[in-house]
Amino acid sequence: MSHGSFRRAAPLLFVLLSLGLAGPASAAQAPAPEPVCSVTDKRLGELSGLVSDGSRWYAINDGGTKVQIFVLGRDCAVQRVISGSTDPYDVEDLARAADGTFWLADTGDNRKQRDTVALLAVTPQGKVTLHRLTYPDGQHDAEALLLDASGTPYLVTKNPLGEAGIYRPAQKLTSPGPTPLERVGSISIKSTDTPGGPVAGFGSVLVTGGAVSADGKVVALRTYTDAYLFAAPDRDVAAALRREPVRVPLPDEQQGEAIAFDPDGTLVSASEGTGPIRVVRGATALVADTASADEGGQSSGSGGEAAGGTSGQGVDTVPGLLIAVVVAGGVVFAWTKLRKRR
């Protein structure tokens, strides 16, 4: 998404935030992100997704005309590229299954014009399997992919109102599909005062990436400015997103979209554009077992809504009335300005 589009839409977007999505939220006592190396390879100028196997990082670009997974050493240098001939539409995020299969989320749709989105399963040798998907409720733009311990994928949408929908396949994935998705909840992000992102304040409400820890017990969503860590003691992603999260600020990333966990629980983040990969060591230890925090919450099954914790952590539920007011006030215009010119 271009910086210019954000700037043109900024005046109206700040009005929307003032209607109820705004308000700085307190952060966890998390260590500051520590830069470990810098990505200088111009082939990764739009770094958007990241995963780790403990000794290497694997990264993908936003968009693209073919499948490419860049294998990075711990010095951020590109060691090799896993390539496939499939031509995706708009790849946004990356996950890695326990068997080593990479899952690419070809789910970008800023113009809301795709009849299907897709997941691409890629072997370490570059064999690509296409899985088309359909939403049950119209088109959505999604930049976050969560893969649970059983291999079930979840998509989390990117919404200028801050209310992100949570979707998963309603049945076993087929190839090429399409396989229908079901909505299993939603989560709403409040603005924070963490500096960074394309537009100060507004960038903190948009979900731009996701990750699940190696043991499946911590789920992370990120915005342009912050990471939110959710306890998943039962490895249930939908249930985890109903719990109160721990917010970890990721300040001063120009367009932060990539997030991952090292196997030891270190949180890893990076931004589009050449720049540093940063880590927050011991991040998963910040998340206490909050299994009881969802008492009184709704079911994680189809149609359930994930409350997403409390406003003190920068995450809260947006009332339906507020959404209606915002839409009536011109959110369609704002979203048009935010569309990626492809």
C-alpha atoms as a PDB file:
ATOM      1  CA  MET A   1       0.000   0.000   0.000  1.00  0.00           C
ATOM      2  CA  SER A   2       1.563   3.312  -1.046  1.00  0.00           C
ATOM      3  CA  HIS A   3       2.535   6.003   1.455  1.00  0.00           C
ATOM      4  CA  GLY A   4       0.864   8.627  -0.755  1.00  0.00           C
ATOM      5  CA  SER A   5      -2.511   6.932  -0.476  1.00  0.00           C
ATOM      6  CA  PHE A   6      -2.251   6.998   3.316  1.00  0.00           C
ATOM      7  CA  ARG A   7      -1.409  10.708   3.322  1.00  0.00           C
ATOM      8  CA  ARG A   8      -4.335  11.648   1.080  1.00  0.00           C
ATOM      9  CA  ALA A   9      -6.767   9.753   3.273  1.00  0.00           C
ATOM     10  CA  ALA A  10      -5.253  10.908   6.576  1.00  0.00           C
ATOM     11  CA  PRO A  11      -7.646  13.811   7.439  1.00  0.00           C
ATOM     12  CA  LEU A  12     -10.783  11.652   7.254  1.00  0.00           C
ATOM     13  CA  LEU A  13      -9.081   8.702   8.899  1.00  0.00           C
ATOM     14  CA  PHE A  14      -8.145  10.754  11.929  1.00  0.00           C
ATOM     15  CA  VAL A  15     -11.785  11.865  12.199  1.00  0.00           C
ATOM     16  CA  LEU A  16     -12.813   8.201  12.200  1.00  0.00           C
ATOM     17  CA  LEU A  17     -10.342   7.442  14.957  1.00  0.00           C
ATOM     18  CA  SER A  18     -11.682  10.315  17.047  1.00  0.00           C
ATOM     19  CA  LEU A  19     -15.138   8.725  16.960  1.00  0.00           C
ATOM     20  CA  GLY A  20     -14.021   5.945  19.249  1.00  0.00           C
ATOM     21  CA  LEU A  21     -11.157   3.925  17.825  1.00  0.00           C
ATOM     22  CA  ALA A  22      -8.511   6.301  19.131  1.00  0.00           C
ATOM     23  CA  GLY A  23      -6.950   6.512  22.571  1.00  0.00           C
ATOM     24  CA  PRO A  24      -3.415   5.443  23.500  1.00  0.00           C
ATOM     25  CA  ALA A  25      -3.234   2.087  25.243  1.00  0.00           C
ATOM     26  CA  SER A  26      -0.778   0.973  27.897  1.00  0.00           C
ATOM     27  CA  ALA A  27       1.897  -1.510  26.853  1.00  0.00           C
ATOM     28  CA  ALA A  28       3.339  -4.546  28.533  1.00  0.00           C
ATOM     29  CA  GLN A  29       6.731  -4.300  30.218  1.00  0.00           C
ATOM     30  CA  ALA A  30       8.347  -5.805  27.159  1.00  0.00           C
ATOM     31  CA  PRO A  31      11.990  -5.426  26.176  1.00  0.00           C
ATOM     32  CA  ALA A  32      12.603  -2.966  23.376  1.00  0.00           C
ATOM     33  CA  PRO A  33      13.084  -4.543  19.937  1.00  0.00           C
ATOM     34  CA  GLU A  34      16.747  -5.211  19.309  1.00  0.00           C
ATOM     35  CA  PRO A  35      18.149  -4.943  15.762  1.00  0.00           C
ATOM     36  CA  VAL A  36      20.240  -7.967  14.873  1.00  0.00           C
ATOM     37  CA  CYS A  37      21.050  -7.333  11.198  1.00  0.00           C
ATOM     38  CA  SER A  38      19.842  -5.352   8.199  1.00  0.00           C
ATOM     39  CA  VAL A  39      18.234  -6.573   4.989  1.00  0.00           C
ATOM     40  CA  THR A  40      20.063  -4.841   2.152  1.00  0.00           C
ATOM     41  CA  ASP A  41      19.194  -7.134  -0.753  1.00  0.00           C
ATOM     42  CA  LYS A  42      16.987  -5.081  -3.062  1.00  0.00           C
ATOM     43  CA  ARG A  43      15.104  -8.222  -4.090  1.00  0.00           C
ATOM     44  CA  LEU A  44      13.418  -8.010  -0.665  1.00  0.00           C
ATOM     45  CA  GLY A  45      12.306  -4.402  -0.936  1.00  0.00           C
ATOM     46  CA  GLU A  46       8.708  -5.275   0.032  1.00  0.00           C
ATOM     47  CA  LEU A  47       9.314  -7.765   2.831  1.00  0.00           C
ATOM     48  CA  SER A  48       5.874  -8.709   4.089  1.00  0.00           C
ATOM     49  CA  GLY A  49       6.034 -12.195   5.618  1.00  0.00           C
ATOM     50  CA  LEU A  50       8.601 -13.976   7.772  1.00  0.00           C
ATOM     51  CA  VAL A  51       9.061 -17.375   9.452  1.00  0.00           C
ATOM     52  CA  SER A  52      11.921 -19.044  11.305  1.00  0.00           C
ATOM     53  CA  ASP A  53      13.295 -22.550  11.734  1.00  0.00           C
ATOM     54  CA  GLY A  54      15.759 -21.504  14.436  1.00  0.00           C
ATOM     55  CA  SER A  55      18.833 -21.199  12.244  1.00  0.00           C
ATOM     56  CA  ARG A  56      17.429 -19.404   9.193  1.00  0.00           C
ATOM     57  CA  TRP A  57      14.664 -16.946   8.405  1.00  0.00           C
ATOM     58  CA  TYR A  58      12.395 -17.317   5.397  1.00  0.00           C
ATOM     59  CA  ALA A  59      10.878 -14.195   3.863  1.00  0.00           C
ATOM     60  CA  ILE A  60       8.447 -13.217   1.125  1.00  0.00           C
ATOM     61  CA  ASN A  61       7.632  -9.969  -0.631  1.00  0.00           C
ATOM     62  CA  ASP A  62       4.267  -8.284  -0.838  1.00  0.00           C
ATOM     63  CA  GLY A  63       2.639  -8.914  -4.233  1.00  0.00           C
ATOM     64  CA  GLY A  64       4.860 -10.606  -6.783  1.00  0.00           C
ATOM     65  CA  THR A  65       4.467 -12.329 -10.145  1.00  0.00           C
ATOM     66  CA  LYS A  66       5.853 -15.711  -9.090  1.00  0.00           C
ATOM     67  CA  VAL A  67       6.351 -17.691  -5.916  1.00  0.00           C
ATOM     68  CA  GLN A  68       9.612 -16.707  -4.222  1.00  0.00           C
ATOM     69  CA  ILE A  69      10.706 -17.557  -0.688  1.00  0.00           C
ATOM     70  CA  PHE A  70      14.023 -15.975   0.291  1.00  0.00           C
ATOM     71  CA  VAL A  71      16.195 -17.983   2.679  1.00  0.00           C
ATOM     72  CA  LEU A  72      18.125 -15.649   4.991  1.00  0.00           C
ATOM     73  CA  GLY A  73      21.066 -16.349   7.255  1.00  0.00           C
ATOM     74  CA  ARG A  74      21.224 -14.774  10.689  1.00  0.00           C
ATOM     75  CA  ASP A  75      23.257 -11.987   9.098  1.00  0.00           C
ATOM     76  CA  CYS A  76      20.218 -11.105   6.923  1.00  0.00           C
ATOM     77  CA  ALA A  77      22.050 -12.143   3.741  1.00  0.00           C
ATOM     78  CA  VAL A  78      20.030 -14.060   1.153  1.00  0.00           C
ATOM     79  CA  GLN A  79      21.486 -17.570   0.906  1.00  0.00           C
ATOM     80  CA  ARG A  80      19.140 -18.916  -1.759  1.00  0.00           C
ATOM     81  CA  VAL A  81      15.633 -18.547  -3.161  1.00  0.00           C
ATOM     82  CA  ILE A  82      12.928 -21.223  -3.233  1.00  0.00           C
ATOM     83  CA  SER A  83      10.974 -20.561  -6.428  1.00  0.00           C
ATOM     84  CA  GLY A  84       7.810 -21.841  -8.042  1.00  0.00           C
ATOM     85  CA  SER A  85       6.258 -21.023 -11.392  1.00  0.00           C
ATOM     86  CA  THR A  86       2.799 -20.173 -10.015  1.00  0.00           C
ATOM     87  CA  ASP A  87       1.790 -16.543 -10.632  1.00  0.00           C
ATOM     88  CA  PRO A  88       0.053 -15.232  -7.488  1.00  0.00           C
ATOM     89  CA  TYR A  89      -2.187 -12.160  -7.356  1.00  0.00           C
ATOM     90  CA  ASP A  90      -1.078 -10.478  -4.115  1.00  0.00           C
ATOM     91  CA  VAL A  91       0.877 -12.511  -1.542  1.00  0.00           C
ATOM     92  CA  GLU A  92       0.806 -10.896   1.904  1.00  0.00           C
ATOM     93  CA  ASP A  93       1.966 -13.320   4.626  1.00  0.00           C
ATOM     94  CA  LEU A  94       3.897 -16.525   5.219  1.00  0.00           C
ATOM     95  CA  ALA A  95       3.590 -19.454   7.645  1.00  0.00           C
ATOM     96  CA  ARG A  96       5.500 -22.724   7.999  1.00  0.00           C
ATOM     97  CA  ALA A  97       3.956 -26.051   9.026  1.00  0.00           C
ATOM     98  CA  ALA A  98       5.606 -28.607  11.295  1.00  0.00           C
ATOM     99  CA  ASP A  99       6.482 -30.749   8.265  1.00  0.00           C
ATOM    100  CA  GLY A 100       8.419 -27.888   6.668  1.00  0.00           C
ATOM    101  CA  THR A 101       5.748 -26.916   4.136  1.00  0.00           C
ATOM    102  CA  PHE A 102       5.505 -23.165   3.543  1.00  0.00           C
ATOM    103  CA  TRP A 103       2.073 -21.572   3.297  1.00  0.00           C
ATOM    104  CA  LEU A 104       1.773 -18.315   1.368  1.00  0.00           C
ATOM    105  CA  ALA A 105      -1.328 -16.173   1.875  1.00  0.00           C
ATOM    106  CA  ASP A 106      -2.290 -14.875  -1.566  1.00  0.00           C
ATOM    107  CA  THR A 107      -5.055 -12.881   0.075  1.00  0.00           C
ATOM    108  CA  GLY A 108      -4.425  -9.209  -0.697  1.00  0.00           C
ATOM    109  CA  ASP A 109      -7.488  -7.477  -2.141  1.00  0.00           C
ATOM    110  CA  ASN A 110      -7.419  -3.744  -1.492  1.00  0.00           C
ATOM    111  CA  ARG A 111      -9.823  -3.102  -4.361  1.00  0.00           C
ATOM    112  CA  LYS A 112     -12.317  -5.691  -3.084  1.00  0.00           C
ATOM    113  CA  GLN A 113     -12.631  -7.283  -6.525  1.00  0.00           C
ATOM    114  CA  ARG A 114     -11.431 -10.871  -6.121  1.00  0.00           C
ATOM    115  CA  ASP A 115     -13.962 -13.685  -6.415  1.00  0.00           C
ATOM    116  CA  THR A 116     -11.482 -16.006  -4.676  1.00  0.00           C
ATOM    117  CA  VAL A 117      -8.334 -15.655  -2.616  1.00  0.00           C
ATOM    118  CA  ALA A 118      -5.798 -18.430  -2.205  1.00  0.00           C
ATOM    119  CA  LEU A 119      -3.336 -20.277  -0.051  1.00  0.00           C
ATOM    120  CA  LEU A 120      -0.249 -21.657  -1.749  1.00  0.00           C
ATOM    121  CA  ALA A 121       1.409 -24.687  -0.154  1.00  0.00           C
ATOM    122  CA  VAL A 122       5.082 -24.767  -1.153  1.00  0.00           C
ATOM    123  CA  THR A 123       7.506 -27.587  -0.430  1.00  0.00           C
ATOM    124  CA  PRO A 124      11.170 -26.807   0.371  1.00  0.00           C
ATOM    125  CA  GLN A 125      11.889 -27.996  -3.184  1.00  0.00           C
ATOM    126  CA  GLY A 126       9.513 -25.437  -4.704  1.00  0.00           C
ATOM    127  CA  LYS A 127       6.507 -27.598  -5.614  1.00  0.00           C
ATOM    128  CA  VAL A 128       3.385 -25.432  -5.351  1.00  0.00           C
ATOM    129  CA  THR A 129      -0.174 -26.599  -4.572  1.00  0.00           C
ATOM    130  CA  LEU A 130      -2.963 -24.063  -5.056  1.00  0.00           C
ATOM    131  CA  HIS A 131      -5.945 -23.871  -2.693  1.00  0.00           C
ATOM    132  CA  ARG A 132      -8.553 -21.295  -3.706  1.00  0.00           C
ATOM    133  CA  LEU A 133     -10.858 -19.941  -0.999  1.00  0.00           C
ATOM    134  CA  THR A 134     -14.134 -18.012  -0.885  1.00  0.00           C
ATOM    135  CA  TYR A 135     -15.441 -15.765   1.893  1.00  0.00           C
ATOM    136  CA  PRO A 136     -19.023 -16.249   3.092  1.00  0.00           C
ATOM    137  CA  ASP A 137     -19.751 -12.516   3.266  1.00  0.00           C
ATOM    138  CA  GLY A 138     -18.130 -10.717   0.342  1.00  0.00           C
ATOM    139  CA  GLN A 139     -14.610  -9.609  -0.483  1.00  0.00           C
ATOM    140  CA  HIS A 140     -11.983  -8.784   2.126  1.00  0.00           C
ATOM    141  CA  ASP A 141      -8.367  -7.694   2.180  1.00  0.00           C
ATOM    142  CA  ALA A 142      -6.277  -9.933   4.455  1.00  0.00           C
ATOM    143  CA  GLU A 143      -2.585  -9.608   5.324  1.00  0.00           C
ATOM    144  CA  ALA A 144      -2.303 -11.984   8.301  1.00  0.00           C
ATOM    145  CA  LEU A 145      -2.078 -15.779   8.188  1.00  0.00           C
ATOM    146  CA  LEU A 146      -2.103 -17.933  11.334  1.00  0.00           C
ATOM    147  CA  LEU A 147      -1.358 -21.652  11.083  1.00  0.00           C
ATOM    148  CA  ASP A 148      -2.313 -23.587  14.205  1.00  0.00           C
ATOM    149  CA  ALA A 149      -0.554 -26.665  15.563  1.00  0.00           C
ATOM    150  CA  SER A 150      -2.832 -28.998  13.606  1.00  0.00           C
ATOM    151  CA  GLY A 151      -2.131 -27.180  10.341  1.00  0.00           C
ATOM    152  CA  THR A 152      -5.466 -25.338  10.159  1.00  0.00           C
ATOM    153  CA  PRO A 153      -5.038 -21.907   8.545  1.00  0.00           C
ATOM    154  CA  TYR A 154      -6.746 -18.765   9.802  1.00  0.00           C
ATOM    155  CA  LEU A 155      -6.969 -15.488   7.881  1.00  0.00           C
ATOM    156  CA  VAL A 156      -7.317 -12.161   9.692  1.00  0.00           C
ATOM    157  CA  THR A 157      -8.538  -9.262   7.589  1.00  0.00           C
ATOM    158  CA  LYS A 158      -7.177  -5.736   7.335  1.00  0.00           C
ATOM    159  CA  ASN A 159      -9.881  -3.173   7.941  1.00  0.00           C
ATOM    160  CA  PRO A 160      -9.568   0.649   8.093  1.00  0.00           C
ATOM    161  CA  LEU A 161     -12.156   0.652  10.892  1.00  0.00           C
ATOM    162  CA  GLY A 162      -9.865  -1.536  12.976  1.00  0.00           C
ATOM    163  CA  GLU A 163     -12.366  -4.430  13.116  1.00  0.00           C
ATOM    164  CA  ALA A 164     -10.586  -7.463  11.702  1.00  0.00           C
ATOM    165  CA  GLY A 165     -12.555 -10.560  10.716  1.00  0.00           C
ATOM    166  CA  ILE A 166     -11.215 -14.028  11.562  1.00  0.00           C
ATOM    167  CA  TYR A 167     -11.828 -16.795   9.010  1.00  0.00           C
ATOM    168  CA  ARG A 168     -10.859 -20.443   8.570  1.00  0.00           C
ATOM    169  CA  PRO A 169     -11.773 -23.159   6.050  1.00  0.00           C
ATOM    170  CA  ALA A 170     -15.237 -24.582   6.679  1.00  0.00           C
ATOM    171  CA  GLN A 171     -14.096 -27.985   5.422  1.00  0.00           C
ATOM    172  CA  LYS A 172     -10.956 -29.795   4.334  1.00  0.00           C
ATOM    173  CA  LEU A 173      -8.899 -27.829   1.830  1.00  0.00           C
ATOM    174  CA  THR A 174      -9.155 -28.960  -1.769  1.00  0.00           C
ATOM    175  CA  SER A 175      -6.948 -28.174  -4.747  1.00  0.00           C
ATOM    176  CA  PRO A 176      -7.547 -26.075  -6.695  1.00  0.00           C
ATOM    177  CA  GLY A 177     -10.860 -25.559  -4.882  1.00  0.00           C
ATOM    178  CA  PRO A 178     -12.464 -23.270  -4.045  1.00  0.00           C
ATOM    179  CA  THR A 179     -12.981 -24.215  -0.412  1.00  0.00           C
ATOM    180  CA  PRO A 180     -15.489 -22.061   1.510  1.00  0.00           C
ATOM    181  CA  LEU A 181     -14.289 -20.102   4.519  1.00  0.00           C
ATOM    182  CA  GLU A 182     -16.306 -19.562   7.677  1.00  0.00           C
ATOM    183  CA  ARG A 183     -16.152 -16.521   9.923  1.00  0.00           C
ATOM    184  CA  VAL A 184     -15.229 -17.566  13.458  1.00  0.00           C
ATOM    185  CA  GLY A 185     -14.917 -14.171  15.091  1.00  0.00           C
ATOM    186  CA  SER A 186     -13.599 -10.642  14.884  1.00  0.00           C
ATOM    187  CA  ILE A 187     -11.142  -8.509  16.765  1.00  0.00           C
ATOM    188  CA  SER A 188     -10.971  -4.737  16.969  1.00  0.00           C
ATOM    189  CA  ILE A 189      -7.769  -2.773  17.363  1.00  0.00           C
ATOM    190  CA  LYS A 190      -7.595   0.583  19.103  1.00  0.00           C
ATOM    191  CA  SER A 191      -5.004   3.166  18.154  1.00  0.00           C
ATOM    192  CA  THR A 192      -1.844   3.493  20.239  1.00  0.00           C
ATOM    193  CA  ASP A 193       0.817   6.163  20.572  1.00  0.00           C
ATOM    194  CA  THR A 194       3.629   3.914  19.307  1.00  0.00           C
ATOM    195  CA  PRO A 195       5.547   5.894  16.668  1.00  0.00           C
ATOM    196  CA  GLY A 196       5.916   4.535  13.160  1.00  0.00           C
ATOM    197  CA  GLY A 197       3.799   3.314  10.310  1.00  0.00           C
ATOM    198  CA  PRO A 198       2.706   5.155   7.174  1.00  0.00           C
ATOM    199  CA  VAL A 199       0.426   7.518   9.142  1.00  0.00           C
ATOM    200  CA  ALA A 200       0.878   8.117  12.865  1.00  0.00           C
ATOM    201  CA  GLY A 201      -2.026   6.698  14.887  1.00  0.00           C
ATOM    202  CA  PHE A 202      -3.968   5.212  11.994  1.00  0.00           C
ATOM    203  CA  GLY A 203      -1.366   2.574  11.181  1.00  0.00           C
ATOM    204  CA  SER A 204      -1.738   1.171  14.682  1.00  0.00           C
ATOM    205  CA  VAL A 205      -5.258  -0.170  14.014  1.00  0.00           C
ATOM    206  CA  LEU A 206      -4.550  -2.201  10.857  1.00  0.00           C
ATOM    207  CA  VAL A 207      -3.619  -5.891  11.115  1.00  0.00           C
ATOM    208  CA  THR A 208      -0.648  -6.440   8.806  1.00  0.00           C
ATOM    209  CA  GLY A 209       0.730  -9.850   9.830  1.00  0.00           C
ATOM    210  CA  GLY A 210       0.416 -12.850  12.093  1.00  0.00           C
ATOM    211  CA  ALA A 211       2.374 -15.744  13.581  1.00  0.00           C
ATOM    212  CA  VAL A 212       1.979 -18.717  15.920  1.00  0.00           C
ATOM    213  CA  SER A 213       4.752 -19.923  18.224  1.00  0.00           C
ATOM    214  CA  ALA A 214       6.477 -23.249  17.525  1.00  0.00           C
ATOM    215  CA  ASP A 215       4.549 -24.999  20.309  1.00  0.00           C
ATOM    216  CA  GLY A 216       1.253 -23.453  19.187  1.00  0.00           C
ATOM    217  CA  LYS A 217       0.640 -21.846  22.586  1.00  0.00           C
ATOM    218  CA  VAL A 218       1.099 -18.161  21.695  1.00  0.00           C
ATOM    219  CA  VAL A 219      -0.642 -16.358  18.828  1.00  0.00           C
ATOM    220  CA  ALA A 220       0.623 -13.011  17.534  1.00  0.00           C
ATOM    221  CA  LEU A 221      -1.044 -10.369  15.425  1.00  0.00           C
ATOM    222  CA  ARG A 222       0.743  -7.219  14.454  1.00  0.00           C
ATOM    223  CA  THR A 223      -0.175  -3.774  13.167  1.00  0.00           C
ATOM    224  CA  TYR A 224       2.222  -1.308  11.579  1.00  0.00           C
ATOM    225  CA  THR A 225       3.326  -0.277  15.083  1.00  0.00           C
ATOM    226  CA  ASP A 226       2.586  -2.965  17.682  1.00  0.00           C
ATOM    227  CA  ALA A 227       2.418  -6.713  18.241  1.00  0.00           C
ATOM    228  CA  TYR A 228      -0.368  -8.358  20.262  1.00  0.00           C
ATOM    229  CA  LEU A 229       0.416 -11.691  21.904  1.00  0.00           C
ATOM    230  CA  PHE A 230      -2.432 -14.004  22.930  1.00  0.00           C
ATOM    231  CA  ALA A 231      -2.202 -17.080  25.132  1.00  0.00           C
ATOM    232  CA  ALA A 232      -3.339 -20.313  23.460  1.00  0.00           C
ATOM    233  CA  PRO A 233      -2.777 -22.973  26.136  1.00  0.00           C
ATOM    234  CA  ASP A 234      -5.110 -25.344  24.275  1.00  0.00           C
ATOM    235  CA  ARG A 235      -3.594 -24.370  20.880  1.00  0.00           C
ATOM    236  CA  ASP A 236      -7.000 -23.024  19.782  1.00  0.00           C
ATOM    237  CA  VAL A 237      -6.396 -19.895  17.698  1.00  0.00           C
ATOM    238  CA  ALA A 238     -10.014 -18.697  17.710  1.00  0.00           C
ATOM    239  CA  ALA A 239     -10.237 -19.075  21.488  1.00  0.00           C
ATOM    240  CA  ALA A 240      -6.876 -17.352  21.970  1.00  0.00           C
ATOM    241  CA  LEU A 241      -8.086 -14.263  20.124  1.00  0.00           C
ATOM    242  CA  ARG A 242     -10.886 -13.860  22.691  1.00  0.00           C
ATOM    243  CA  ARG A 243      -8.370 -13.428  25.507  1.00  0.00           C
ATOM    244  CA  GLU A 244      -6.673 -10.318  26.792  1.00  0.00           C
ATOM    245  CA  PRO A 245      -3.438  -9.822  24.839  1.00  0.00           C
ATOM    246  CA  VAL A 246      -0.047  -8.519  25.808  1.00  0.00           C
ATOM    247  CA  ARG A 247       0.923  -5.552  23.651  1.00  0.00           C
ATOM    248  CA  VAL A 248       4.552  -5.315  22.544  1.00  0.00           C
ATOM    249  CA  PRO A 249       5.409  -1.981  20.887  1.00  0.00           C
ATOM    250  CA  LEU A 250       7.415  -2.215  17.666  1.00  0.00           C
ATOM    251  CA  PRO A 251       8.246   1.471  17.226  1.00  0.00           C
ATOM    252  CA  ASP A 252       9.733   3.238  14.237  1.00  0.00           C
ATOM    253  CA  GLU A 253       9.099   0.629  11.561  1.00  0.00           C
ATOM    254  CA  GLN A 254       8.261   2.535   8.404  1.00  0.00           C
ATOM    255  CA  GLN A 255       5.788  -0.064   7.128  1.00  0.00           C
ATOM    256  CA  GLY A 256       5.969  -3.013   9.483  1.00  0.00           C
ATOM    257  CA  GLU A 257       4.211  -6.072   8.084  1.00  0.00           C
ATOM    258  CA  ALA A 258       6.391  -9.079   8.922  1.00  0.00           C
ATOM    259  CA  ILE A 259       6.286 -10.960  12.217  1.00  0.00           C
ATOM    260  CA  ALA A 260       7.480 -14.412  13.314  1.00  0.00           C
ATOM    261  CA  PHE A 261       8.582 -16.479  16.299  1.00  0.00           C
ATOM    262  CA  ASP A 262      11.927 -18.195  16.642  1.00  0.00           C
ATOM    263  CA  PRO A 263      11.509 -21.670  18.192  1.00  0.00           C
ATOM    264  CA  ASP A 264      12.892 -20.339  21.502  1.00  0.00           C
ATOM    265  CA  GLY A 265      10.045 -17.827  21.840  1.00  0.00           C
ATOM    266  CA  THR A 266      11.853 -14.790  20.463  1.00  0.00           C
ATOM    267  CA  LEU A 267       9.563 -12.438  18.537  1.00  0.00           C
ATOM    268  CA  VAL A 268      10.976 -11.330  15.173  1.00  0.00           C
ATOM    269  CA  SER A 269       9.755  -8.333  13.163  1.00  0.00           C
ATOM    270  CA  ALA A 270      10.661  -6.472   9.993  1.00  0.00           C
ATOM    271  CA  SER A 271       9.358  -3.727   7.727  1.00  0.00           C
ATOM    272  CA  GLU A 272       8.908  -3.299   4.009  1.00  0.00           C
ATOM    273  CA  GLY A 273      11.920  -1.554   2.485  1.00  0.00           C
ATOM    274  CA  THR A 274      15.505  -2.423   3.233  1.00  0.00           C
ATOM    275  CA  GLY A 275      16.166  -2.169   6.956  1.00  0.00           C
ATOM    276  CA  PRO A 276      16.730  -4.103  10.172  1.00  0.00           C
ATOM    277  CA  ILE A 277      15.269  -7.359  11.360  1.00  0.00           C
ATOM    278  CA  ARG A 278      14.576  -6.843  15.058  1.00  0.00           C
ATOM    279  CA  VAL A 279      13.926  -9.274  17.891  1.00  0.00           C
ATOM    280  CA  VAL A 280      12.191  -9.174  21.272  1.00  0.00           C
ATOM    281  CA  ARG A 281      13.825 -11.945  23.250  1.00  0.00           C
ATOM    282  CA  GLY A 282      11.686 -14.040  25.571  1.00  0.00           C
ATOM    283  CA  ALA A 283       8.479 -12.637  24.109  1.00  0.00           C
ATOM    284  CA  THR A 284       6.367 -15.762  24.630  1.00  0.00           C
ATOM    285  CA  ALA A 285       7.266 -15.705  28.341  1.00  0.00           C
ATOM    286  CA  LEU A 286       5.422 -12.370  28.595  1.00  0.00           C
ATOM    287  CA  VAL A 287       2.147 -14.164  27.973  1.00  0.00           C
ATOM    288  CA  ALA A 288       0.743 -15.754  31.109  1.00  0.00           C
ATOM    289  CA  ASP A 289      -1.785 -18.559  30.874  1.00  0.00           C
ATOM    290  CA  THR A 290      -4.963 -16.495  30.519  1.00  0.00           C
ATOM    291  CA  ALA A 291      -7.315 -19.336  29.700  1.00  0.00           C
ATOM    292  CA  SER A 292      -9.849 -18.010  32.207  1.00  0.00           C
ATOM    293  CA  ALA A 293      -9.831 -14.542  30.650  1.00  0.00           C
ATOM    294  CA  ASP A 294     -12.419 -15.540  28.073  1.00  0.00           C
ATOM    295  CA  GLU A 295     -15.085 -16.472  30.633  1.00  0.00           C
ATOM    296  CA  GLY A 296     -18.382 -15.201  29.403  1.00  0.00           C
ATOM    297  CA  GLY A 297     -17.053 -14.960  25.838  1.00  0.00           C
ATOM    298  CA  GLN A 298     -18.852 -16.379  22.875  1.00  0.00           C
ATOM    299  CA  SER A 299     -18.152 -19.676  21.188  1.00  0.00           C
ATOM    300  CA  SER A 300     -15.154 -19.957  18.906  1.00  0.00           C
ATOM    301  CA  GLY A 301     -17.279 -21.789  16.367  1.00  0.00           C
ATOM    302  CA  SER A 302     -18.708 -20.370  13.156  1.00  0.00           C
ATOM    303  CA  GLY A 303     -20.251 -16.970  13.723  1.00  0.00           C
ATOM    304  CA  GLY A 304     -18.687 -16.427  17.153  1.00  0.00           C
ATOM    305  CA  GLU A 305     -17.149 -13.014  17.807  1.00  0.00           C
ATOM    306  CA  ALA A 306     -13.755 -12.711  19.438  1.00  0.00           C
ATOM    307  CA  ALA A 307     -13.833  -9.835  21.883  1.00  0.00           C
ATOM    308  CA  GLY A 308     -10.072  -9.578  21.815  1.00  0.00           C
ATOM    309  CA  GLY A 309      -9.370  -8.490  25.377  1.00  0.00           C
ATOM    310  CA  THR A 310      -9.571  -5.049  26.923  1.00  0.00           C
ATOM    311  CA  SER A 311      -8.944  -1.492  25.821  1.00  0.00           C
ATOM    312  CA  GLY A 312      -6.032  -1.275  28.244  1.00  0.00           C
ATOM    313  CA  GLN A 313      -4.018  -3.359  25.811  1.00  0.00           C
ATOM    314  CA  GLY A 314      -5.122  -1.484  22.718  1.00  0.00           C
ATOM    315  CA  VAL A 315      -7.662  -4.096  21.620  1.00  0.00           C
ATOM    316  CA  ASP A 316     -11.399  -3.817  22.085  1.00  0.00           C
ATOM    317  CA  THR A 317     -14.741  -4.470  20.428  1.00  0.00           C
ATOM    318  CA  VAL A 318     -16.176  -1.752  18.170  1.00  0.00           C
ATOM    319  CA  PRO A 319     -19.918  -1.247  18.717  1.00  0.00           C
ATOM    320  CA  GLY A 320     -22.042  -1.903  15.654  1.00  0.00           C
ATOM    321  CA  LEU A 321     -23.604   1.561  15.942  1.00  0.00           C
ATOM    322  CA  LEU A 322     -20.189   3.184  15.698  1.00  0.00           C
ATOM    323  CA  ILE A 323     -19.433   1.190  12.561  1.00  0.00           C
ATOM    324  CA  ALA A 324     -22.700   2.361  11.004  1.00  0.00           C
ATOM    325  CA  VAL A 325     -21.902   5.985  11.827  1.00  0.00           C
ATOM    326  CA  VAL A 326     -18.433   5.683  10.362  1.00  0.00           C
ATOM    327  CA  VAL A 327     -19.706   4.078   7.186  1.00  0.00           C
ATOM    328  CA  ALA A 328     -22.344   6.769   6.818  1.00  0.00           C
ATOM    329  CA  GLY A 329     -19.652   9.387   7.351  1.00  0.00           C
ATOM    330  CA  GLY A 330     -17.671   8.341   4.303  1.00  0.00           C
ATOM    331  CA  VAL A 331     -15.501   5.332   4.997  1.00  0.00           C
ATOM    332  CA  VAL A 332     -16.019   4.212   1.399  1.00  0.00           C
ATOM    333  CA  PHE A 333     -14.161   7.318   0.278  1.00  0.00           C
ATOM    334  CA  ALA A 334     -11.326   6.637   2.704  1.00  0.00           C
ATOM    335  CA  TRP A 335     -10.994   3.039   1.604  1.00  0.00           C
ATOM    336  CA  THR A 336     -10.917   4.093  -2.047  1.00  0.00           C
ATOM    337  CA  LYS A 337      -7.984   6.324  -1.258  1.00  0.00           C
ATOM    338  CA  LEU A 338      -6.237   3.461   0.484  1.00  0.00           C
ATOM    339  CA  ARG A 339      -6.498   1.041  -2.430  1.00  0.00           C
ATOM    340  CA  LYS A 340      -3.342  -0.287  -3.914  1.00  0.00           C
ATOM    341  CA  ARG A 341      -2.948   0.837  -7.508  1.00  0.00           C
ATOM    342  CA  ARG A 342      -2.300  -2.450  -9.220  1.00  0.00           C
END
